[in-house]
Amino acid sequence: MQQILITGVSSGIGHALASEYLSRGARVYGTSRRSPDDLTSHEAFRFVPMDLTAFDDVEAGFKRLLEGVDELDLVVCNAGILGPFGDMAEQSLADMKHVLDVNLWANKVVLDAIYRQVERVRQVVTISSGAAVNGHRGWGGYALSKAALNMLTMLYAAEQPDTHFCALAPGVVETSMQDYLNGLPEDERYPSLDSLRSKRDTSDMPSPEELAPRLVDVMHQLPERVQSGQFADIRKPPLAGANG
């Protein structure tokens, strides 16, 4: 039985991944601020609620979540937020710091807690984004946080050579983030929003539940296809066209 740990399991990609892994017979350890009530009754699912930005409390939370666990086959650092969208000059430092706390520093605290408690971790996937490398106007703190997450992933790969690491962009997914972005007024300064709007209700923007089976298969193949520590985009080589 595979042992999988996923952060941010209450909704979106994290919830869909937890459901998919449970359907494949894995044991899933999950955390998020809100409880995924439809998953907590599953005998192979263990859940501990946590606010991952309450940094001083994270280690105690993971001691509860991982009690009796000696090894993990996969850790998916999925929890994240978008934050405000707009020009850098319009975004406050407080807002951007909060985005980095959730999308970057919480993952450092999570990984440190896991490695202090678990003897062996075979694979870590941090959920990144194309925004980490595209530099499109408007993405502000989110793009900064994901670019820094890519480097965090690379640094941990150098420190933990027995674990395969990858910062993985899952592509455009129909989540609540898209509701916010598509609800913004049209603005010629932000052509990336027009691109997102054109993808809604098409196969280019799957739901988390539609994406999860392929994402699970791709993550399984990452150690063979991607050098540990590197960023990869599910839509581009060497992952484009990868199937289970």
C-alpha atoms as a PDB file:
ATOM      1  CA  MET A   1       0.000   0.000   0.000  1.00  0.00           C
ATOM      2  CA  GLN A   2       1.493   3.320  -1.083  1.00  0.00           C
ATOM      3  CA  GLN A   3       1.740   5.993   1.595  1.00  0.00           C
ATOM      4  CA  ILE A   4       0.952   9.476   0.267  1.00  0.00           C
ATOM      5  CA  LEU A   5       0.956  12.813   2.103  1.00  0.00           C
ATOM      6  CA  ILE A   6      -0.912  15.756   0.569  1.00  0.00           C
ATOM      7  CA  THR A   7      -1.337  19.304   1.861  1.00  0.00           C
ATOM      8  CA  GLY A   8      -4.381  21.375   0.985  1.00  0.00           C
ATOM      9  CA  VAL A   9      -6.845  18.485   0.739  1.00  0.00           C
ATOM     10  CA  SER A  10     -10.062  20.362   1.449  1.00  0.00           C
ATOM     11  CA  SER A  11     -10.673  21.435  -2.159  1.00  0.00           C
ATOM     12  CA  GLY A  12      -9.226  21.774  -5.651  1.00  0.00           C
ATOM     13  CA  ILE A  13      -6.255  19.732  -6.812  1.00  0.00           C
ATOM     14  CA  GLY A  14      -5.376  18.489  -3.312  1.00  0.00           C
ATOM     15  CA  HIS A  15      -8.859  17.083  -2.722  1.00  0.00           C
ATOM     16  CA  ALA A  16      -8.983  15.490  -6.163  1.00  0.00           C
ATOM     17  CA  LEU A  17      -5.557  13.899  -5.706  1.00  0.00           C
ATOM     18  CA  ALA A  18      -6.497  12.511  -2.296  1.00  0.00           C
ATOM     19  CA  SER A  19      -9.667  10.992  -3.769  1.00  0.00           C
ATOM     20  CA  GLU A  20      -7.770   9.527  -6.718  1.00  0.00           C
ATOM     21  CA  TYR A  21      -5.059   7.958  -4.575  1.00  0.00           C
ATOM     22  CA  LEU A  22      -7.645   6.472  -2.212  1.00  0.00           C
ATOM     23  CA  SER A  23      -9.464   4.967  -5.205  1.00  0.00           C
ATOM     24  CA  ARG A  24      -6.163   3.351  -6.230  1.00  0.00           C
ATOM     25  CA  GLY A  25      -5.720   1.711  -2.850  1.00  0.00           C
ATOM     26  CA  ALA A  26      -3.196   4.105  -1.306  1.00  0.00           C
ATOM     27  CA  ARG A  27      -3.104   5.280   2.274  1.00  0.00           C
ATOM     28  CA  VAL A  28      -3.399   9.074   2.309  1.00  0.00           C
ATOM     29  CA  TYR A  29      -2.315  11.496   5.021  1.00  0.00           C
ATOM     30  CA  GLY A  30      -3.914  14.887   4.511  1.00  0.00           C
ATOM     31  CA  THR A  31      -3.990  18.316   6.056  1.00  0.00           C
ATOM     32  CA  SER A  32      -5.757  21.596   5.383  1.00  0.00           C
ATOM     33  CA  ARG A  33      -7.496  24.248   7.446  1.00  0.00           C
ATOM     34  CA  ARG A  34     -10.954  22.896   6.592  1.00  0.00           C
ATOM     35  CA  SER A  35     -11.958  19.274   6.887  1.00  0.00           C
ATOM     36  CA  PRO A  36     -12.755  17.324   3.674  1.00  0.00           C
ATOM     37  CA  ASP A  37     -15.794  15.662   5.208  1.00  0.00           C
ATOM     38  CA  ASP A  38     -16.362  13.337   2.262  1.00  0.00           C
ATOM     39  CA  LEU A  39     -12.887  11.845   2.740  1.00  0.00           C
ATOM     40  CA  THR A  40     -12.598  11.590   6.515  1.00  0.00           C
ATOM     41  CA  SER A  41     -14.819   8.515   6.715  1.00  0.00           C
ATOM     42  CA  HIS A  42     -12.450   6.544   4.455  1.00  0.00           C
ATOM     43  CA  GLU A  43     -10.499   4.015   6.510  1.00  0.00           C
ATOM     44  CA  ALA A  44      -7.290   4.685   4.549  1.00  0.00           C
ATOM     45  CA  PHE A  45      -7.418   8.458   5.079  1.00  0.00           C
ATOM     46  CA  ARG A  46      -5.895  10.180   8.086  1.00  0.00           C
ATOM     47  CA  PHE A  47      -6.544  13.892   8.527  1.00  0.00           C
ATOM     48  CA  VAL A  48      -5.253  16.534  10.931  1.00  0.00           C
ATOM     49  CA  PRO A  49      -6.420  20.143  10.452  1.00  0.00           C
ATOM     50  CA  MET A  50      -3.614  22.692  10.284  1.00  0.00           C
ATOM     51  CA  ASP A  51      -2.963  26.294   9.364  1.00  0.00           C
ATOM     52  CA  LEU A  52       0.424  25.872   7.723  1.00  0.00           C
ATOM     53  CA  THR A  53       1.258  29.546   8.263  1.00  0.00           C
ATOM     54  CA  ALA A  54       1.057  29.020  12.022  1.00  0.00           C
ATOM     55  CA  PHE A  55       4.669  27.961  11.692  1.00  0.00           C
ATOM     56  CA  ASP A  56       5.309  27.226  15.377  1.00  0.00           C
ATOM     57  CA  ASP A  57       2.446  24.705  15.440  1.00  0.00           C
ATOM     58  CA  VAL A  58       3.226  22.791  12.244  1.00  0.00           C
ATOM     59  CA  GLU A  59       5.693  20.285  13.675  1.00  0.00           C
ATOM     60  CA  ALA A  60       3.291  19.229  16.423  1.00  0.00           C
ATOM     61  CA  GLY A  61       0.556  18.826  13.825  1.00  0.00           C
ATOM     62  CA  PHE A  62       2.732  16.569  11.684  1.00  0.00           C
ATOM     63  CA  LYS A  63       3.693  14.485  14.703  1.00  0.00           C
ATOM     64  CA  ARG A  64       0.001  13.706  15.085  1.00  0.00           C
ATOM     65  CA  LEU A  65      -0.568  13.178  11.383  1.00  0.00           C
ATOM     66  CA  LEU A  66       2.456  10.908  10.882  1.00  0.00           C
ATOM     67  CA  GLU A  67       2.422   9.005  14.162  1.00  0.00           C
ATOM     68  CA  GLY A  68       3.772   5.517  13.510  1.00  0.00           C
ATOM     69  CA  VAL A  69       4.801   6.336   9.920  1.00  0.00           C
ATOM     70  CA  ASP A  70       8.387   5.375   9.031  1.00  0.00           C
ATOM     71  CA  GLU A  71       8.355   6.108   5.313  1.00  0.00           C
ATOM     72  CA  LEU A  72       6.372   7.964   2.679  1.00  0.00           C
ATOM     73  CA  ASP A  73       6.253   7.120  -0.993  1.00  0.00           C
ATOM     74  CA  LEU A  74       5.188  10.621  -2.010  1.00  0.00           C
ATOM     75  CA  VAL A  75       4.718  14.046  -0.463  1.00  0.00           C
ATOM     76  CA  VAL A  76       2.646  16.534  -2.482  1.00  0.00           C
ATOM     77  CA  CYS A  77       3.105  20.105  -1.261  1.00  0.00           C
ATOM     78  CA  ASN A  78      -0.062  21.440  -2.817  1.00  0.00           C
ATOM     79  CA  ALA A  79      -1.504  24.056  -0.442  1.00  0.00           C
ATOM     80  CA  GLY A  80      -1.329  27.534  -1.914  1.00  0.00           C
ATOM     81  CA  ILE A  81      -3.135  30.808  -2.626  1.00  0.00           C
ATOM     82  CA  LEU A  82      -3.245  33.294  -5.498  1.00  0.00           C
ATOM     83  CA  GLY A  83      -3.318  36.593  -3.632  1.00  0.00           C
ATOM     84  CA  PRO A  84      -4.212  39.907  -5.301  1.00  0.00           C
ATOM     85  CA  PHE A  85      -3.843  40.223  -9.071  1.00  0.00           C
ATOM     86  CA  GLY A  86      -2.475  43.445 -10.544  1.00  0.00           C
ATOM     87  CA  ASP A  87       0.621  45.527 -11.123  1.00  0.00           C
ATOM     88  CA  MET A  88       3.450  45.293  -8.622  1.00  0.00           C
ATOM     89  CA  ALA A  89       3.056  48.971  -7.710  1.00  0.00           C
ATOM     90  CA  GLU A  90      -0.546  48.256  -6.687  1.00  0.00           C
ATOM     91  CA  GLN A  91       0.283  45.282  -4.434  1.00  0.00           C
ATOM     92  CA  SER A  92       1.149  45.877  -0.807  1.00  0.00           C
ATOM     93  CA  LEU A  93       4.140  44.247   0.826  1.00  0.00           C
ATOM     94  CA  ALA A  94       1.814  42.782   3.448  1.00  0.00           C
ATOM     95  CA  ASP A  95      -0.262  41.001   0.796  1.00  0.00           C
ATOM     96  CA  MET A  96       2.804  39.674  -1.009  1.00  0.00           C
ATOM     97  CA  LYS A  97       4.426  38.525   2.230  1.00  0.00           C
ATOM     98  CA  HIS A  98       1.268  36.576   3.055  1.00  0.00           C
ATOM     99  CA  VAL A  99       1.337  34.865  -0.344  1.00  0.00           C
ATOM    100  CA  LEU A 100       4.985  33.915   0.190  1.00  0.00           C
ATOM    101  CA  ASP A 101       4.195  32.639   3.690  1.00  0.00           C
ATOM    102  CA  VAL A 102       1.610  30.232   2.251  1.00  0.00           C
ATOM    103  CA  ASN A 103       3.239  29.276  -1.049  1.00  0.00           C
ATOM    104  CA  LEU A 104       6.892  29.232  -0.017  1.00  0.00           C
ATOM    105  CA  TRP A 105       7.778  29.313   3.672  1.00  0.00           C
ATOM    106  CA  ALA A 106       5.006  26.944   4.753  1.00  0.00           C
ATOM    107  CA  ASN A 107       6.534  24.337   2.442  1.00  0.00           C
ATOM    108  CA  LYS A 108       9.937  24.739   4.100  1.00  0.00           C
ATOM    109  CA  VAL A 109       8.346  24.243   7.523  1.00  0.00           C
ATOM    110  CA  VAL A 110       6.371  21.231   6.256  1.00  0.00           C
ATOM    111  CA  LEU A 111       9.391  19.543   4.673  1.00  0.00           C
ATOM    112  CA  ASP A 112      11.551  20.133   7.745  1.00  0.00           C
ATOM    113  CA  ALA A 113       8.867  18.626   9.983  1.00  0.00           C
ATOM    114  CA  ILE A 114       8.494  15.581   7.734  1.00  0.00           C
ATOM    115  CA  TYR A 115      12.216  14.878   7.497  1.00  0.00           C
ATOM    116  CA  ARG A 116      12.597  15.121  11.269  1.00  0.00           C
ATOM    117  CA  GLN A 117       9.906  12.457  11.738  1.00  0.00           C
ATOM    118  CA  VAL A 118      10.054  10.084   8.768  1.00  0.00           C
ATOM    119  CA  GLU A 119      13.054   7.883   8.067  1.00  0.00           C
ATOM    120  CA  ARG A 120      12.543   7.681   4.315  1.00  0.00           C
ATOM    121  CA  VAL A 121      10.770   9.887   1.775  1.00  0.00           C
ATOM    122  CA  ARG A 122      10.968   8.548  -1.768  1.00  0.00           C
ATOM    123  CA  GLN A 123       9.484  11.465  -3.693  1.00  0.00           C
ATOM    124  CA  VAL A 124       8.410  15.091  -3.145  1.00  0.00           C
ATOM    125  CA  VAL A 125       6.341  17.091  -5.616  1.00  0.00           C
ATOM    126  CA  THR A 126       5.816  20.788  -4.967  1.00  0.00           C
ATOM    127  CA  ILE A 127       2.911  22.224  -6.946  1.00  0.00           C
ATOM    128  CA  SER A 128       4.327  25.105  -8.934  1.00  0.00           C
ATOM    129  CA  SER A 129       2.914  27.076 -11.858  1.00  0.00           C
ATOM    130  CA  GLY A 130       3.741  28.394 -15.295  1.00  0.00           C
ATOM    131  CA  ALA A 131       3.603  31.795 -13.600  1.00  0.00           C
ATOM    132  CA  ALA A 132       6.923  30.891 -11.974  1.00  0.00           C
ATOM    133  CA  VAL A 133       8.718  31.259 -15.300  1.00  0.00           C
ATOM    134  CA  ASN A 134       6.420  33.241 -17.631  1.00  0.00           C
ATOM    135  CA  GLY A 135       6.761  36.708 -16.110  1.00  0.00           C
ATOM    136  CA  HIS A 136       3.320  37.817 -17.329  1.00  0.00           C
ATOM    137  CA  ARG A 137       2.143  41.166 -16.041  1.00  0.00           C
ATOM    138  CA  GLY A 138      -0.241  41.083 -13.087  1.00  0.00           C
ATOM    139  CA  TRP A 139       0.809  37.883 -11.361  1.00  0.00           C
ATOM    140  CA  GLY A 140       2.849  39.686  -8.709  1.00  0.00           C
ATOM    141  CA  GLY A 141       3.300  37.881  -5.407  1.00  0.00           C
ATOM    142  CA  TYR A 142       1.984  34.614  -6.812  1.00  0.00           C
ATOM    143  CA  ALA A 143       4.635  34.486  -9.554  1.00  0.00           C
ATOM    144  CA  LEU A 144       7.358  35.483  -7.090  1.00  0.00           C
ATOM    145  CA  SER A 145       6.290  32.794  -4.640  1.00  0.00           C
ATOM    146  CA  LYS A 146       6.211  30.042  -7.258  1.00  0.00           C
ATOM    147  CA  ALA A 147       9.593  31.060  -8.703  1.00  0.00           C
ATOM    148  CA  ALA A 148      11.031  30.911  -5.199  1.00  0.00           C
ATOM    149  CA  LEU A 149       9.295  27.569  -4.629  1.00  0.00           C
ATOM    150  CA  ASN A 150      11.120  26.204  -7.681  1.00  0.00           C
ATOM    151  CA  MET A 151      14.448  27.160  -6.116  1.00  0.00           C
ATOM    152  CA  LEU A 152      13.394  25.817  -2.708  1.00  0.00           C
ATOM    153  CA  THR A 153      12.683  22.497  -4.420  1.00  0.00           C
ATOM    154  CA  MET A 154      16.092  22.502  -6.092  1.00  0.00           C
ATOM    155  CA  LEU A 155      17.871  23.269  -2.802  1.00  0.00           C
ATOM    156  CA  TYR A 156      16.114  20.450  -0.947  1.00  0.00           C
ATOM    157  CA  ALA A 157      16.969  18.084  -3.786  1.00  0.00           C
ATOM    158  CA  ALA A 158      20.640  18.887  -3.226  1.00  0.00           C
ATOM    159  CA  GLU A 159      20.289  18.295   0.521  1.00  0.00           C
ATOM    160  CA  GLN A 160      18.184  15.124   0.279  1.00  0.00           C
ATOM    161  CA  PRO A 161      19.752  13.034  -2.521  1.00  0.00           C
ATOM    162  CA  ASP A 162      17.757   9.920  -1.579  1.00  0.00           C
ATOM    163  CA  THR A 163      14.481  11.704  -2.414  1.00  0.00           C
ATOM    164  CA  HIS A 164      13.380  12.660  -5.915  1.00  0.00           C
ATOM    165  CA  PHE A 165      12.115  16.246  -5.995  1.00  0.00           C
ATOM    166  CA  CYS A 166      10.189  18.081  -8.713  1.00  0.00           C
ATOM    167  CA  ALA A 167       8.452  21.455  -8.855  1.00  0.00           C
ATOM    168  CA  LEU A 168       5.507  20.577 -11.081  1.00  0.00           C
ATOM    169  CA  ALA A 169       3.189  22.950 -12.939  1.00  0.00           C
ATOM    170  CA  PRO A 170      -0.142  21.122 -13.388  1.00  0.00           C
ATOM    171  CA  GLY A 171      -1.398  23.425 -16.139  1.00  0.00           C
ATOM    172  CA  VAL A 172      -4.572  25.502 -16.093  1.00  0.00           C
ATOM    173  CA  VAL A 173      -7.190  23.937 -13.838  1.00  0.00           C
ATOM    174  CA  GLU A 174     -10.814  24.925 -13.206  1.00  0.00           C
ATOM    175  CA  THR A 175     -10.657  25.928  -9.532  1.00  0.00           C
ATOM    176  CA  SER A 176     -11.946  28.817  -7.431  1.00  0.00           C
ATOM    177  CA  MET A 177      -8.831  30.739  -8.497  1.00  0.00           C
ATOM    178  CA  GLN A 178     -10.219  30.802 -12.034  1.00  0.00           C
ATOM    179  CA  ASP A 179     -13.537  32.173 -10.754  1.00  0.00           C
ATOM    180  CA  TYR A 180     -11.659  35.123  -9.272  1.00  0.00           C
ATOM    181  CA  LEU A 181      -9.411  35.707 -12.296  1.00  0.00           C
ATOM    182  CA  ASN A 182     -12.215  35.398 -14.834  1.00  0.00           C
ATOM    183  CA  GLY A 183     -14.332  37.773 -12.770  1.00  0.00           C
ATOM    184  CA  LEU A 184     -11.791  40.585 -13.097  1.00  0.00           C
ATOM    185  CA  PRO A 185     -12.687  43.381 -15.528  1.00  0.00           C
ATOM    186  CA  GLU A 186     -11.194  43.214 -18.985  1.00  0.00           C
ATOM    187  CA  ASP A 187      -7.919  45.130 -19.102  1.00  0.00           C
ATOM    188  CA  GLU A 188      -5.572  45.340 -22.065  1.00  0.00           C
ATOM    189  CA  ARG A 189      -2.607  45.412 -19.667  1.00  0.00           C
ATOM    190  CA  TYR A 190      -3.197  41.754 -18.796  1.00  0.00           C
ATOM    191  CA  PRO A 191      -3.448  39.620 -21.960  1.00  0.00           C
ATOM    192  CA  SER A 192      -2.864  36.469 -19.895  1.00  0.00           C
ATOM    193  CA  LEU A 193      -6.394  36.903 -18.501  1.00  0.00           C
ATOM    194  CA  ASP A 194      -7.824  36.808 -22.020  1.00  0.00           C
ATOM    195  CA  SER A 195      -5.962  33.550 -22.582  1.00  0.00           C
ATOM    196  CA  LEU A 196      -7.489  32.073 -19.416  1.00  0.00           C
ATOM    197  CA  ARG A 197     -10.984  33.168 -20.413  1.00  0.00           C
ATOM    198  CA  SER A 198     -10.602  31.465 -23.784  1.00  0.00           C
ATOM    199  CA  LYS A 199      -9.759  28.155 -22.082  1.00  0.00           C
ATOM    200  CA  ARG A 200     -12.796  27.960 -19.804  1.00  0.00           C
ATOM    201  CA  ASP A 201     -15.240  25.181 -20.630  1.00  0.00           C
ATOM    202  CA  THR A 202     -12.670  23.499 -22.869  1.00  0.00           C
ATOM    203  CA  SER A 203     -10.315  20.559 -22.465  1.00  0.00           C
ATOM    204  CA  ASP A 204      -7.505  23.081 -21.925  1.00  0.00           C
ATOM    205  CA  MET A 205      -8.952  23.830 -18.469  1.00  0.00           C
ATOM    206  CA  PRO A 206      -9.960  20.516 -16.878  1.00  0.00           C
ATOM    207  CA  SER A 207     -11.585  20.245 -13.490  1.00  0.00           C
ATOM    208  CA  PRO A 208      -9.399  18.929 -10.651  1.00  0.00           C
ATOM    209  CA  GLU A 209     -11.281  15.630 -10.824  1.00  0.00           C
ATOM    210  CA  GLU A 210     -10.629  15.348 -14.560  1.00  0.00           C
ATOM    211  CA  LEU A 211      -6.960  16.189 -14.144  1.00  0.00           C
ATOM    212  CA  ALA A 212      -6.215  14.000 -11.115  1.00  0.00           C
ATOM    213  CA  PRO A 213      -5.801  10.611 -12.885  1.00  0.00           C
ATOM    214  CA  ARG A 214      -3.291  12.015 -15.380  1.00  0.00           C
ATOM    215  CA  LEU A 215      -1.524  14.021 -12.681  1.00  0.00           C
ATOM    216  CA  VAL A 216      -1.084  10.890 -10.567  1.00  0.00           C
ATOM    217  CA  ASP A 217       0.326   9.000 -13.559  1.00  0.00           C
ATOM    218  CA  VAL A 218       2.698  11.848 -14.440  1.00  0.00           C
ATOM    219  CA  MET A 219       3.961  12.172 -10.871  1.00  0.00           C
ATOM    220  CA  HIS A 220       4.701   8.466 -10.854  1.00  0.00           C
ATOM    221  CA  GLN A 221       6.881   8.941 -13.933  1.00  0.00           C
ATOM    222  CA  LEU A 222       8.767  12.031 -12.745  1.00  0.00           C
ATOM    223  CA  PRO A 223      11.804  10.154 -11.348  1.00  0.00           C
ATOM    224  CA  GLU A 224      12.376   8.639 -14.804  1.00  0.00           C
ATOM    225  CA  ARG A 225      11.653  11.766 -16.839  1.00  0.00           C
ATOM    226  CA  VAL A 226      12.901  14.741 -14.813  1.00  0.00           C
ATOM    227  CA  GLN A 227      16.171  15.334 -12.995  1.00  0.00           C
ATOM    228  CA  SER A 228      15.644  15.709  -9.252  1.00  0.00           C
ATOM    229  CA  GLY A 229      15.132  19.303  -8.203  1.00  0.00           C
ATOM    230  CA  GLN A 230      14.016  20.583 -11.597  1.00  0.00           C
ATOM    231  CA  PHE A 231      10.865  22.446 -12.611  1.00  0.00           C
ATOM    232  CA  ALA A 232       8.563  20.690 -15.090  1.00  0.00           C
ATOM    233  CA  ASP A 233       5.299  21.647 -16.754  1.00  0.00           C
ATOM    234  CA  ILE A 234       2.771  18.889 -17.427  1.00  0.00           C
ATOM    235  CA  ARG A 235       1.954  20.569 -20.773  1.00  0.00           C
ATOM    236  CA  LYS A 236       5.532  20.611 -22.078  1.00  0.00           C
ATOM    237  CA  PRO A 237       8.371  18.147 -22.776  1.00  0.00           C
ATOM    238  CA  PRO A 238       9.432  15.869 -21.268  1.00  0.00           C
ATOM    239  CA  LEU A 239       5.958  15.426 -19.737  1.00  0.00           C
ATOM    240  CA  ALA A 240       3.662  16.391 -22.603  1.00  0.00           C
ATOM    241  CA  GLY A 241       1.944  13.257 -23.821  1.00  0.00           C
ATOM    242  CA  ALA A 242       3.039  11.204 -20.793  1.00  0.00           C
ATOM    243  CA  ASN A 243       0.457   8.601 -19.884  1.00  0.00           C
ATOM    244  CA  GLY A 244       0.108   5.975 -17.192  1.00  0.00           C
END
